[in-house]
Amino acid sequence: MQVTTLGQFIIERQGDFPYAKGELSRLLRDIGIAAKVVNREVNKAGLVDILGEYGTINIQGERVKKLDVYANEQFIAALSAGGETCAVASEENEGLVHINSIVSKNAKYVVCVDPLDGSSNIDVNVSIGTIFSIYRRTSFTGKVEEMDYLQRGTEQIAAGYVIYGSSTMLVYTTGKDVNGFTLDPSIGEFCLSHPNMKCPQEGTIYSINEGNYVHFPDGVKQFIKYCQVEDGPTSRPYSSRYIGSLVADFHRNLLKGGIFIYPSTLKSPQGKLRLLYECNPLALIIERAGGKASDGSRRILDIQPASLHQRTPLFIGSTNLVNLAEEMMLKYSPLAAH
């Protein structure tokens, strides 16, 4: 059987980006290299002193895990060495990480990365992941600024994620189709395993932390009740599946059909997930796979970012379920009563 590696696939698709002249291909290759290094450490994390907390709090107010720090360092190092990006915006860093090499100074691309999503699950051996997003730089005079990153999700050149689980997969899109590559440890290469991935339009899985039910908006509560009612024609009740690791929940629903919801709550009225590092990249992937991503009323990719670490609610997955959730959010919103 013919095996296509990630490197071969990227080269074959290079013609999709005539303006890139190979830079984007090399940038995606650098991300793949960093993913393999992080995967190696994830797989042996229980055998070395790399589990547990690092002792600091990141910009999001969350305790930083040792493996978080390692993953952040590896992705920044790989992107710095490649020279195809002039700066990196990471969920783990308050500001931009500037790459001050001669080659990188005039680089055309900027990268957003969540180096280790789901890190609260590190110590219990649950699937975790990396999420990344690539934009074209908007200014070429002087040092790259935050404004180069504050672009709508529709402007993404490429986006993807890596899931470190029973097998390690890299899934990405360059704005056309979505393709998945599984790491073959025997040869150390990501190999094409899921070409042209499609999210089922009709889903029967809902993923949400129901422990926060009392804090959810009324529209979300009504959606959950709908999912739990027995109804043969619509295959209800739907299955509740929640891992608590965004990449893992998203990956399952992408393959099998379903919806992942992280709504606003009384404690987090703006939502908790990051627009640039998590929501935009996954929104581009789900749309290119035939699904939908919303904040409950607006398309995620149309939101204009105002800051690097901006948060937003997220409703993402099969189109029928996201549409239904939006309808219920509108119907049961406080404004609907007036």
C-alpha atoms as a PDB file:
ATOM      1  CA  MET A   1       0.000   0.000   0.000  1.00  0.00           C
ATOM      2  CA  GLN A   2       1.243   3.460  -0.906  1.00  0.00           C
ATOM      3  CA  VAL A   3       2.001   5.541   2.188  1.00  0.00           C
ATOM      4  CA  THR A   4       1.930   9.334   1.981  1.00  0.00           C
ATOM      5  CA  THR A   5       3.851  11.153   4.687  1.00  0.00           C
ATOM      6  CA  LEU A   6       2.971  14.611   5.981  1.00  0.00           C
ATOM      7  CA  GLY A   7       6.052  16.040   4.273  1.00  0.00           C
ATOM      8  CA  GLN A   8       5.144  14.514   0.925  1.00  0.00           C
ATOM      9  CA  PHE A   9       1.538  15.652   1.228  1.00  0.00           C
ATOM     10  CA  ILE A  10       2.536  19.237   2.037  1.00  0.00           C
ATOM     11  CA  ILE A  11       4.881  19.360  -0.966  1.00  0.00           C
ATOM     12  CA  GLU A  12       2.175  17.955  -3.247  1.00  0.00           C
ATOM     13  CA  ARG A  13      -0.251  20.626  -2.053  1.00  0.00           C
ATOM     14  CA  GLN A  14       2.245  23.467  -2.319  1.00  0.00           C
ATOM     15  CA  GLY A  15       0.660  24.512  -5.608  1.00  0.00           C
ATOM     16  CA  ASP A  16      -2.465  25.526  -3.676  1.00  0.00           C
ATOM     17  CA  PHE A  17      -0.528  28.556  -2.448  1.00  0.00           C
ATOM     18  CA  PRO A  18       1.329  30.145  -5.357  1.00  0.00           C
ATOM     19  CA  TYR A  19       2.093  33.242  -3.270  1.00  0.00           C
ATOM     20  CA  ALA A  20       3.761  31.208  -0.508  1.00  0.00           C
ATOM     21  CA  LYS A  21       6.774  29.951  -2.506  1.00  0.00           C
ATOM     22  CA  GLY A  22       7.356  27.140  -0.035  1.00  0.00           C
ATOM     23  CA  GLU A  23       7.363  29.182   3.189  1.00  0.00           C
ATOM     24  CA  LEU A  24       4.007  27.873   4.354  1.00  0.00           C
ATOM     25  CA  SER A  25       5.025  24.312   3.548  1.00  0.00           C
ATOM     26  CA  ARG A  26       8.163  24.682   5.639  1.00  0.00           C
ATOM     27  CA  LEU A  27       6.175  26.267   8.460  1.00  0.00           C
ATOM     28  CA  LEU A  28       3.767  23.320   8.570  1.00  0.00           C
ATOM     29  CA  ARG A  29       6.766  20.985   8.511  1.00  0.00           C
ATOM     30  CA  ASP A  30       8.268  22.797  11.533  1.00  0.00           C
ATOM     31  CA  ILE A  31       5.004  22.346  13.447  1.00  0.00           C
ATOM     32  CA  GLY A  32       5.060  18.637  12.588  1.00  0.00           C
ATOM     33  CA  ILE A  33       8.608  18.317  13.934  1.00  0.00           C
ATOM     34  CA  ALA A  34       7.695  20.026  17.211  1.00  0.00           C
ATOM     35  CA  ALA A  35       4.639  17.771  17.545  1.00  0.00           C
ATOM     36  CA  LYS A  36       6.832  14.673  17.282  1.00  0.00           C
ATOM     37  CA  VAL A  37       9.179  15.963  19.980  1.00  0.00           C
ATOM     38  CA  VAL A  38       6.282  16.779  22.319  1.00  0.00           C
ATOM     39  CA  ASN A  39       4.672  13.408  21.568  1.00  0.00           C
ATOM     40  CA  ARG A  40       7.857  11.643  22.676  1.00  0.00           C
ATOM     41  CA  GLU A  41       7.775  13.426  26.036  1.00  0.00           C
ATOM     42  CA  VAL A  42       4.028  12.907  26.490  1.00  0.00           C
ATOM     43  CA  ASN A  43       4.481   9.170  25.984  1.00  0.00           C
ATOM     44  CA  LYS A  44       7.178   8.886  28.625  1.00  0.00           C
ATOM     45  CA  ALA A  45       5.832  11.573  30.966  1.00  0.00           C
ATOM     46  CA  GLY A  46       5.003   9.058  33.677  1.00  0.00           C
ATOM     47  CA  LEU A  47       8.588   7.785  33.709  1.00  0.00           C
ATOM     48  CA  VAL A  48      10.377  11.081  34.213  1.00  0.00           C
ATOM     49  CA  ASP A  49      10.021  14.140  36.385  1.00  0.00           C
ATOM     50  CA  ILE A  50       7.856  16.009  33.916  1.00  0.00           C
ATOM     51  CA  LEU A  51       4.400  15.520  35.388  1.00  0.00           C
ATOM     52  CA  GLY A  52       2.857  17.838  37.943  1.00  0.00           C
ATOM     53  CA  GLU A  53       2.833  21.579  38.413  1.00  0.00           C
ATOM     54  CA  TYR A  54       5.634  23.950  37.490  1.00  0.00           C
ATOM     55  CA  GLY A  55       4.804  26.305  40.351  1.00  0.00           C
ATOM     56  CA  THR A  56       3.692  29.349  38.353  1.00  0.00           C
ATOM     57  CA  ILE A  57       0.415  30.764  37.049  1.00  0.00           C
ATOM     58  CA  ASN A  58       0.036  31.505  33.321  1.00  0.00           C
ATOM     59  CA  ILE A  59      -1.655  34.574  31.815  1.00  0.00           C
ATOM     60  CA  GLN A  60      -5.012  32.758  31.967  1.00  0.00           C
ATOM     61  CA  GLY A  61      -4.761  32.404  35.743  1.00  0.00           C
ATOM     62  CA  GLU A  62      -4.238  28.652  35.513  1.00  0.00           C
ATOM     63  CA  ARG A  63      -1.522  26.619  37.209  1.00  0.00           C
ATOM     64  CA  VAL A  64       1.178  25.770  34.684  1.00  0.00           C
ATOM     65  CA  LYS A  65       2.064  22.086  34.383  1.00  0.00           C
ATOM     66  CA  LYS A  66       5.657  21.053  33.701  1.00  0.00           C
ATOM     67  CA  LEU A  67       4.688  19.452  30.403  1.00  0.00           C
ATOM     68  CA  ASP A  68       2.948  22.722  29.407  1.00  0.00           C
ATOM     69  CA  VAL A  69       6.214  24.547  29.805  1.00  0.00           C
ATOM     70  CA  TYR A  70       8.123  21.918  27.848  1.00  0.00           C
ATOM     71  CA  ALA A  71       5.615  21.908  24.971  1.00  0.00           C
ATOM     72  CA  ASN A  72       5.642  25.700  24.801  1.00  0.00           C
ATOM     73  CA  GLU A  73       9.434  25.750  24.613  1.00  0.00           C
ATOM     74  CA  GLN A  74       9.516  23.094  21.882  1.00  0.00           C
ATOM     75  CA  PHE A  75       7.029  24.788  19.582  1.00  0.00           C
ATOM     76  CA  ILE A  76       8.697  28.166  19.980  1.00  0.00           C
ATOM     77  CA  ALA A  77      12.111  26.591  19.358  1.00  0.00           C
ATOM     78  CA  ALA A  78      10.946  24.756  16.215  1.00  0.00           C
ATOM     79  CA  LEU A  79       9.243  27.843  14.795  1.00  0.00           C
ATOM     80  CA  SER A  80      12.281  29.988  15.619  1.00  0.00           C
ATOM     81  CA  ALA A  81      14.672  27.569  13.930  1.00  0.00           C
ATOM     82  CA  GLY A  82      12.513  27.356  10.811  1.00  0.00           C
ATOM     83  CA  GLY A  83      12.619  31.097  10.187  1.00  0.00           C
ATOM     84  CA  GLU A  84       9.195  31.270   8.534  1.00  0.00           C
ATOM     85  CA  THR A  85       7.504  33.268  11.292  1.00  0.00           C
ATOM     86  CA  CYS A  86       8.558  36.520  12.904  1.00  0.00           C
ATOM     87  CA  ALA A  87       6.726  35.998  16.214  1.00  0.00           C
ATOM     88  CA  VAL A  88       4.657  33.464  18.109  1.00  0.00           C
ATOM     89  CA  ALA A  89       1.590  34.145  20.224  1.00  0.00           C
ATOM     90  CA  SER A  90       1.226  31.379  22.781  1.00  0.00           C
ATOM     91  CA  GLU A  91      -1.488  30.798  25.330  1.00  0.00           C
ATOM     92  CA  GLU A  92       1.304  30.368  27.888  1.00  0.00           C
ATOM     93  CA  ASN A  93       2.883  33.810  27.312  1.00  0.00           C
ATOM     94  CA  GLU A  94       1.379  37.161  28.227  1.00  0.00           C
ATOM     95  CA  GLY A  95       2.759  38.933  25.163  1.00  0.00           C
ATOM     96  CA  LEU A  96       4.239  38.029  21.805  1.00  0.00           C
ATOM     97  CA  VAL A  97       7.400  35.944  21.623  1.00  0.00           C
ATOM     98  CA  HIS A  98       9.511  37.771  19.035  1.00  0.00           C
ATOM     99  CA  ILE A  99      11.947  35.791  16.915  1.00  0.00           C
ATOM    100  CA  ASN A 100      14.963  38.004  16.444  1.00  0.00           C
ATOM    101  CA  SER A 101      16.884  36.293  13.675  1.00  0.00           C
ATOM    102  CA  ILE A 102      17.895  37.855  10.374  1.00  0.00           C
ATOM    103  CA  VAL A 103      15.814  35.320   8.450  1.00  0.00           C
ATOM    104  CA  SER A 104      12.705  35.715  10.592  1.00  0.00           C
ATOM    105  CA  LYS A 105      12.686  39.506  10.526  1.00  0.00           C
ATOM    106  CA  ASN A 106      10.987  39.590   7.127  1.00  0.00           C
ATOM    107  CA  ALA A 107       8.917  36.435   7.561  1.00  0.00           C
ATOM    108  CA  LYS A 108       5.424  36.508   6.053  1.00  0.00           C
ATOM    109  CA  TYR A 109       3.563  34.553   8.717  1.00  0.00           C
ATOM    110  CA  VAL A 110       2.537  34.802  12.351  1.00  0.00           C
ATOM    111  CA  VAL A 111       1.527  31.787  14.451  1.00  0.00           C
ATOM    112  CA  CYS A 112      -0.874  31.309  17.358  1.00  0.00           C
ATOM    113  CA  VAL A 113      -0.466  28.162  19.420  1.00  0.00           C
ATOM    114  CA  ASP A 114      -1.975  26.465  22.436  1.00  0.00           C
ATOM    115  CA  PRO A 115       0.996  24.183  23.119  1.00  0.00           C
ATOM    116  CA  LEU A 116      -0.791  21.703  25.376  1.00  0.00           C
ATOM    117  CA  ASP A 117      -4.568  21.868  25.482  1.00  0.00           C
ATOM    118  CA  GLY A 118      -6.277  19.877  28.226  1.00  0.00           C
ATOM    119  CA  SER A 119      -3.280  20.053  30.511  1.00  0.00           C
ATOM    120  CA  SER A 120      -5.405  19.474  33.619  1.00  0.00           C
ATOM    121  CA  ASN A 121      -5.621  15.880  32.358  1.00  0.00           C
ATOM    122  CA  ILE A 122      -1.849  15.345  32.121  1.00  0.00           C
ATOM    123  CA  ASP A 123      -1.516  13.557  35.429  1.00  0.00           C
ATOM    124  CA  VAL A 124      -4.360  11.100  34.748  1.00  0.00           C
ATOM    125  CA  ASN A 125      -3.275   9.844  31.316  1.00  0.00           C
ATOM    126  CA  VAL A 126      -6.177  11.347  29.333  1.00  0.00           C
ATOM    127  CA  SER A 127      -5.724  12.516  25.739  1.00  0.00           C
ATOM    128  CA  ILE A 128      -4.330  16.030  25.398  1.00  0.00           C
ATOM    129  CA  GLY A 129      -3.355  18.056  22.359  1.00  0.00           C
ATOM    130  CA  THR A 130      -1.844  21.041  20.590  1.00  0.00           C
ATOM    131  CA  ILE A 131      -3.836  23.607  18.601  1.00  0.00           C
ATOM    132  CA  PHE A 132      -2.266  25.993  16.087  1.00  0.00           C
ATOM    133  CA  SER A 133      -3.272  28.740  13.701  1.00  0.00           C
ATOM    134  CA  ILE A 134      -1.349  30.563  10.959  1.00  0.00           C
ATOM    135  CA  TYR A 135      -2.027  34.054   9.558  1.00  0.00           C
ATOM    136  CA  ARG A 136      -0.304  36.192   6.990  1.00  0.00           C
ATOM    137  CA  ARG A 137       1.491  39.116   8.553  1.00  0.00           C
ATOM    138  CA  THR A 138      -0.348  42.382   7.881  1.00  0.00           C
ATOM    139  CA  SER A 139       2.518  44.825   8.414  1.00  0.00           C
ATOM    140  CA  PHE A 140       6.076  44.667   7.146  1.00  0.00           C
ATOM    141  CA  THR A 141       7.544  47.803   8.698  1.00  0.00           C
ATOM    142  CA  GLY A 142       9.408  47.433  11.958  1.00  0.00           C
ATOM    143  CA  LYS A 143       8.687  44.919  14.661  1.00  0.00           C
ATOM    144  CA  VAL A 144       5.607  42.736  14.403  1.00  0.00           C
ATOM    145  CA  GLU A 145       2.855  43.981  16.711  1.00  0.00           C
ATOM    146  CA  GLU A 146      -0.260  42.541  18.311  1.00  0.00           C
ATOM    147  CA  MET A 147      -2.336  44.022  15.487  1.00  0.00           C
ATOM    148  CA  ASP A 148      -0.812  41.423  13.153  1.00  0.00           C
ATOM    149  CA  TYR A 149      -2.567  38.793  15.259  1.00  0.00           C
ATOM    150  CA  LEU A 150      -5.881  40.531  15.789  1.00  0.00           C
ATOM    151  CA  GLN A 151      -7.390  39.264  12.547  1.00  0.00           C
ATOM    152  CA  ARG A 152     -10.726  37.562  12.071  1.00  0.00           C
ATOM    153  CA  GLY A 153     -10.631  33.795  11.845  1.00  0.00           C
ATOM    154  CA  THR A 154     -11.641  34.026   8.186  1.00  0.00           C
ATOM    155  CA  GLU A 155      -8.118  35.329   7.503  1.00  0.00           C
ATOM    156  CA  GLN A 156      -6.394  32.157   8.699  1.00  0.00           C
ATOM    157  CA  ILE A 157      -4.089  30.625   6.108  1.00  0.00           C
ATOM    158  CA  ALA A 158      -3.954  27.287   7.897  1.00  0.00           C
ATOM    159  CA  ALA A 159      -5.049  25.751  11.177  1.00  0.00           C
ATOM    160  CA  GLY A 160      -4.758  22.395  12.850  1.00  0.00           C
ATOM    161  CA  TYR A 161      -4.349  20.340  15.966  1.00  0.00           C
ATOM    162  CA  VAL A 162      -2.374  17.394  17.257  1.00  0.00           C
ATOM    163  CA  ILE A 163      -4.002  14.852  19.551  1.00  0.00           C
ATOM    164  CA  TYR A 164      -1.740  12.765  21.769  1.00  0.00           C
ATOM    165  CA  GLY A 165      -3.756   9.655  22.605  1.00  0.00           C
ATOM    166  CA  SER A 166      -3.846   5.934  21.917  1.00  0.00           C
ATOM    167  CA  SER A 167      -2.361   7.020  18.620  1.00  0.00           C
ATOM    168  CA  THR A 168      -0.991  10.462  17.818  1.00  0.00           C
ATOM    169  CA  MET A 169      -2.667  12.359  15.005  1.00  0.00           C
ATOM    170  CA  LEU A 170      -2.056  15.682  13.301  1.00  0.00           C
ATOM    171  CA  VAL A 171      -5.112  17.167  11.590  1.00  0.00           C
ATOM    172  CA  TYR A 172      -4.915  20.350   9.550  1.00  0.00           C
ATOM    173  CA  THR A 173      -6.568  22.420   6.863  1.00  0.00           C
ATOM    174  CA  THR A 174      -5.209  25.106   4.601  1.00  0.00           C
ATOM    175  CA  GLY A 175      -8.680  26.446   3.924  1.00  0.00           C
ATOM    176  CA  LYS A 176      -9.779  23.724   1.519  1.00  0.00           C
ATOM    177  CA  ASP A 177     -10.224  20.162   2.750  1.00  0.00           C
ATOM    178  CA  VAL A 178      -9.277  18.670   6.129  1.00  0.00           C
ATOM    179  CA  ASN A 179      -6.729  15.865   6.314  1.00  0.00           C
ATOM    180  CA  GLY A 180      -5.525  13.715   9.199  1.00  0.00           C
ATOM    181  CA  PHE A 181      -2.122  12.088   9.655  1.00  0.00           C
ATOM    182  CA  THR A 182      -1.325   9.360  12.169  1.00  0.00           C
ATOM    183  CA  LEU A 183       2.180   9.112  13.600  1.00  0.00           C
ATOM    184  CA  ASP A 184       3.864   5.816  12.743  1.00  0.00           C
ATOM    185  CA  PRO A 185       6.402   5.400  15.552  1.00  0.00           C
ATOM    186  CA  SER A 186       8.301   2.738  13.622  1.00  0.00           C
ATOM    187  CA  ILE A 187       9.439   5.275  11.024  1.00  0.00           C
ATOM    188  CA  GLY A 188       8.874   8.487  13.003  1.00  0.00           C
ATOM    189  CA  GLU A 189       6.590   9.990  10.355  1.00  0.00           C
ATOM    190  CA  PHE A 190       3.050  11.315  10.245  1.00  0.00           C
ATOM    191  CA  CYS A 191       1.275   9.293   7.529  1.00  0.00           C
ATOM    192  CA  LEU A 192      -1.957  10.211   5.773  1.00  0.00           C
ATOM    193  CA  SER A 193      -4.677   8.129   7.416  1.00  0.00           C
ATOM    194  CA  HIS A 194      -7.821  10.283   7.195  1.00  0.00           C
ATOM    195  CA  PRO A 195      -7.991  12.064   3.818  1.00  0.00           C
ATOM    196  CA  ASN A 196     -10.701  14.659   3.207  1.00  0.00           C
ATOM    197  CA  MET A 197     -12.307  14.381   6.642  1.00  0.00           C
ATOM    198  CA  LYS A 198     -16.007  15.234   6.899  1.00  0.00           C
ATOM    199  CA  CYS A 199     -18.092  15.918   9.980  1.00  0.00           C
ATOM    200  CA  PRO A 200     -21.519  14.235   9.812  1.00  0.00           C
ATOM    201  CA  GLN A 201     -24.268  16.833   9.344  1.00  0.00           C
ATOM    202  CA  GLU A 202     -26.482  14.982  11.818  1.00  0.00           C
ATOM    203  CA  GLY A 203     -24.971  14.273  15.227  1.00  0.00           C
ATOM    204  CA  THR A 204     -26.177  12.363  18.272  1.00  0.00           C
ATOM    205  CA  ILE A 205     -23.446  13.238  20.808  1.00  0.00           C
ATOM    206  CA  TYR A 206     -23.354  16.303  23.034  1.00  0.00           C
ATOM    207  CA  SER A 207     -20.242  17.278  24.995  1.00  0.00           C
ATOM    208  CA  ILE A 208     -20.576  19.737  27.861  1.00  0.00           C
ATOM    209  CA  ASN A 209     -19.562  19.927  31.505  1.00  0.00           C
ATOM    210  CA  GLU A 210     -22.999  19.329  33.024  1.00  0.00           C
ATOM    211  CA  GLY A 211     -21.563  19.889  36.490  1.00  0.00           C
ATOM    212  CA  ASN A 212     -21.905  23.615  35.711  1.00  0.00           C
ATOM    213  CA  TYR A 213     -25.560  23.231  34.688  1.00  0.00           C
ATOM    214  CA  VAL A 214     -26.866  25.631  37.322  1.00  0.00           C
ATOM    215  CA  HIS A 215     -24.652  28.399  35.902  1.00  0.00           C
ATOM    216  CA  PHE A 216     -25.607  27.901  32.218  1.00  0.00           C
ATOM    217  CA  PRO A 217     -27.793  30.285  30.179  1.00  0.00           C
ATOM    218  CA  ASP A 218     -31.419  29.159  29.824  1.00  0.00           C
ATOM    219  CA  GLY A 219     -30.893  28.342  26.138  1.00  0.00           C
ATOM    220  CA  VAL A 220     -28.155  25.835  26.986  1.00  0.00           C
ATOM    221  CA  LYS A 221     -30.273  24.276  29.739  1.00  0.00           C
ATOM    222  CA  GLN A 222     -33.150  23.814  27.286  1.00  0.00           C
ATOM    223  CA  PHE A 223     -30.797  22.300  24.702  1.00  0.00           C
ATOM    224  CA  ILE A 224     -29.548  19.756  27.246  1.00  0.00           C
ATOM    225  CA  LYS A 225     -33.129  18.855  28.185  1.00  0.00           C
ATOM    226  CA  TYR A 226     -33.932  18.385  24.486  1.00  0.00           C
ATOM    227  CA  CYS A 227     -30.967  16.020  24.096  1.00  0.00           C
ATOM    228  CA  GLN A 228     -32.149  13.920  27.052  1.00  0.00           C
ATOM    229  CA  VAL A 229     -35.779  13.426  25.972  1.00  0.00           C
ATOM    230  CA  GLU A 230     -36.667  10.049  24.452  1.00  0.00           C
ATOM    231  CA  ASP A 231     -37.817  10.406  20.839  1.00  0.00           C
ATOM    232  CA  GLY A 232     -37.387   7.613  18.269  1.00  0.00           C
ATOM    233  CA  PRO A 233     -37.581   9.663  15.026  1.00  0.00           C
ATOM    234  CA  THR A 234     -34.699  11.902  16.138  1.00  0.00           C
ATOM    235  CA  SER A 235     -32.691   9.071  17.793  1.00  0.00           C
ATOM    236  CA  ARG A 236     -32.959  10.708  21.191  1.00  0.00           C
ATOM    237  CA  PRO A 237     -31.888  10.616  23.899  1.00  0.00           C
ATOM    238  CA  TYR A 238     -28.480  11.635  22.601  1.00  0.00           C
ATOM    239  CA  SER A 239     -25.252  10.335  24.125  1.00  0.00           C
ATOM    240  CA  SER A 240     -23.459  12.562  26.606  1.00  0.00           C
ATOM    241  CA  ARG A 241     -19.689  12.323  26.104  1.00  0.00           C
ATOM    242  CA  TYR A 242     -17.399  14.807  27.851  1.00  0.00           C
ATOM    243  CA  ILE A 243     -13.670  14.259  28.318  1.00  0.00           C
ATOM    244  CA  GLY A 244     -12.749  17.748  29.475  1.00  0.00           C
ATOM    245  CA  SER A 245      -9.965  17.990  26.914  1.00  0.00           C
ATOM    246  CA  LEU A 246     -11.125  20.233  24.045  1.00  0.00           C
ATOM    247  CA  VAL A 247      -9.001  18.570  21.362  1.00  0.00           C
ATOM    248  CA  ALA A 248     -10.169  15.080  22.367  1.00  0.00           C
ATOM    249  CA  ASP A 249     -13.853  16.032  22.527  1.00  0.00           C
ATOM    250  CA  PHE A 250     -13.621  17.929  19.246  1.00  0.00           C
ATOM    251  CA  HIS A 251     -11.775  15.091  17.488  1.00  0.00           C
ATOM    252  CA  ARG A 252     -14.374  12.507  18.463  1.00  0.00           C
ATOM    253  CA  ASN A 253     -17.271  14.708  17.357  1.00  0.00           C
ATOM    254  CA  LEU A 254     -15.526  15.571  14.088  1.00  0.00           C
ATOM    255  CA  LEU A 255     -15.306  11.877  13.249  1.00  0.00           C
ATOM    256  CA  LYS A 256     -18.630  10.665  14.653  1.00  0.00           C
ATOM    257  CA  GLY A 257     -20.869  13.717  14.622  1.00  0.00           C
ATOM    258  CA  GLY A 258     -21.851  15.741  17.668  1.00  0.00           C
ATOM    259  CA  ILE A 259     -21.565  19.105  19.368  1.00  0.00           C
ATOM    260  CA  PHE A 260     -19.102  20.502  21.899  1.00  0.00           C
ATOM    261  CA  ILE A 261     -20.398  23.364  24.027  1.00  0.00           C
ATOM    262  CA  TYR A 262     -18.489  25.628  26.387  1.00  0.00           C
ATOM    263  CA  PRO A 263     -20.990  28.422  27.051  1.00  0.00           C
ATOM    264  CA  SER A 264     -20.816  31.591  29.039  1.00  0.00           C
ATOM    265  CA  THR A 265     -21.551  31.071  32.736  1.00  0.00           C
ATOM    266  CA  LEU A 266     -22.267  33.303  35.705  1.00  0.00           C
ATOM    267  CA  LYS A 267     -18.584  32.997  36.662  1.00  0.00           C
ATOM    268  CA  SER A 268     -17.287  33.467  33.090  1.00  0.00           C
ATOM    269  CA  PRO A 269     -19.767  35.712  31.230  1.00  0.00           C
ATOM    270  CA  GLN A 270     -17.404  35.994  28.250  1.00  0.00           C
ATOM    271  CA  GLY A 271     -16.854  32.249  28.100  1.00  0.00           C
ATOM    272  CA  LYS A 272     -13.595  30.560  28.995  1.00  0.00           C
ATOM    273  CA  LEU A 273     -12.029  29.327  25.751  1.00  0.00           C
ATOM    274  CA  ARG A 274      -9.569  31.531  23.853  1.00  0.00           C
ATOM    275  CA  LEU A 275     -10.663  32.915  20.506  1.00  0.00           C
ATOM    276  CA  LEU A 276      -7.214  33.010  18.889  1.00  0.00           C
ATOM    277  CA  TYR A 277      -5.634  29.852  20.286  1.00  0.00           C
ATOM    278  CA  GLU A 278      -8.567  27.436  20.436  1.00  0.00           C
ATOM    279  CA  CYS A 279     -11.820  28.607  18.862  1.00  0.00           C
ATOM    280  CA  ASN A 280     -10.664  30.127  15.560  1.00  0.00           C
ATOM    281  CA  PRO A 281      -8.438  27.211  14.481  1.00  0.00           C
ATOM    282  CA  LEU A 282     -11.031  24.570  15.350  1.00  0.00           C
ATOM    283  CA  ALA A 283     -13.774  26.674  13.727  1.00  0.00           C
ATOM    284  CA  LEU A 284     -11.851  26.762  10.440  1.00  0.00           C
ATOM    285  CA  ILE A 285     -11.349  23.000  10.580  1.00  0.00           C
ATOM    286  CA  ILE A 286     -14.991  22.208  11.352  1.00  0.00           C
ATOM    287  CA  GLU A 287     -16.291  24.511   8.620  1.00  0.00           C
ATOM    288  CA  ARG A 288     -13.986  22.986   6.022  1.00  0.00           C
ATOM    289  CA  ALA A 289     -15.208  19.565   7.174  1.00  0.00           C
ATOM    290  CA  GLY A 290     -18.832  20.596   6.669  1.00  0.00           C
ATOM    291  CA  GLY A 291     -19.729  21.527  10.243  1.00  0.00           C
ATOM    292  CA  LYS A 292     -20.375  24.784  12.054  1.00  0.00           C
ATOM    293  CA  ALA A 293     -18.890  26.912  14.857  1.00  0.00           C
ATOM    294  CA  SER A 294     -20.712  29.647  16.748  1.00  0.00           C
ATOM    295  CA  ASP A 295     -20.561  31.634  19.973  1.00  0.00           C
ATOM    296  CA  GLY A 296     -24.275  30.961  20.395  1.00  0.00           C
ATOM    297  CA  SER A 297     -25.407  33.652  17.994  1.00  0.00           C
ATOM    298  CA  ARG A 298     -22.483  34.615  15.726  1.00  0.00           C
ATOM    299  CA  ARG A 299     -20.135  32.708  13.469  1.00  0.00           C
ATOM    300  CA  ILE A 300     -16.850  32.284  15.360  1.00  0.00           C
ATOM    301  CA  LEU A 301     -14.734  33.128  12.307  1.00  0.00           C
ATOM    302  CA  ASP A 302     -16.474  36.521  11.921  1.00  0.00           C
ATOM    303  CA  ILE A 303     -15.589  37.773  15.415  1.00  0.00           C
ATOM    304  CA  GLN A 304     -13.103  40.654  15.384  1.00  0.00           C
ATOM    305  CA  PRO A 305     -10.485  39.985  18.105  1.00  0.00           C
ATOM    306  CA  ALA A 306      -9.696  42.869  20.441  1.00  0.00           C
ATOM    307  CA  SER A 307      -6.887  41.246  22.452  1.00  0.00           C
ATOM    308  CA  LEU A 308      -4.495  38.303  22.285  1.00  0.00           C
ATOM    309  CA  HIS A 309      -6.135  36.370  25.095  1.00  0.00           C
ATOM    310  CA  GLN A 310      -9.768  37.188  24.324  1.00  0.00           C
ATOM    311  CA  ARG A 311     -12.290  34.569  25.411  1.00  0.00           C
ATOM    312  CA  THR A 312     -15.558  33.484  23.843  1.00  0.00           C
ATOM    313  CA  PRO A 313     -18.339  30.924  24.299  1.00  0.00           C
ATOM    314  CA  LEU A 314     -18.131  28.051  21.810  1.00  0.00           C
ATOM    315  CA  PHE A 315     -20.736  25.843  20.138  1.00  0.00           C
ATOM    316  CA  ILE A 316     -18.986  23.630  17.575  1.00  0.00           C
ATOM    317  CA  GLY A 317     -19.688  20.444  15.645  1.00  0.00           C
ATOM    318  CA  SER A 318     -22.411  18.987  13.425  1.00  0.00           C
ATOM    319  CA  THR A 319     -24.443  21.650  11.666  1.00  0.00           C
ATOM    320  CA  ASN A 320     -27.861  20.386  12.794  1.00  0.00           C
ATOM    321  CA  LEU A 321     -26.906  20.462  16.474  1.00  0.00           C
ATOM    322  CA  VAL A 322     -25.209  23.869  16.342  1.00  0.00           C
ATOM    323  CA  ASN A 323     -28.222  25.321  14.513  1.00  0.00           C
ATOM    324  CA  LEU A 324     -30.552  23.890  17.143  1.00  0.00           C
ATOM    325  CA  ALA A 325     -28.423  25.246  19.988  1.00  0.00           C
ATOM    326  CA  GLU A 326     -28.419  28.706  18.364  1.00  0.00           C
ATOM    327  CA  GLU A 327     -32.211  28.591  18.005  1.00  0.00           C
ATOM    328  CA  MET A 328     -32.610  27.765  21.674  1.00  0.00           C
ATOM    329  CA  MET A 329     -30.131  30.436  22.733  1.00  0.00           C
ATOM    330  CA  LEU A 330     -32.190  32.987  20.804  1.00  0.00           C
ATOM    331  CA  LYS A 331     -35.560  31.686  21.971  1.00  0.00           C
ATOM    332  CA  TYR A 332     -34.651  31.584  25.655  1.00  0.00           C
ATOM    333  CA  SER A 333     -32.423  34.657  25.843  1.00  0.00           C
ATOM    334  CA  PRO A 334     -33.504  37.408  28.294  1.00  0.00           C
ATOM    335  CA  LEU A 335     -34.104  39.713  25.305  1.00  0.00           C
ATOM    336  CA  ALA A 336     -36.553  37.261  23.748  1.00  0.00           C
ATOM    337  CA  ALA A 337     -38.987  37.887  26.602  1.00  0.00           C
ATOM    338  CA  HIS A 338     -39.312  41.565  25.750  1.00  0.00           C
END
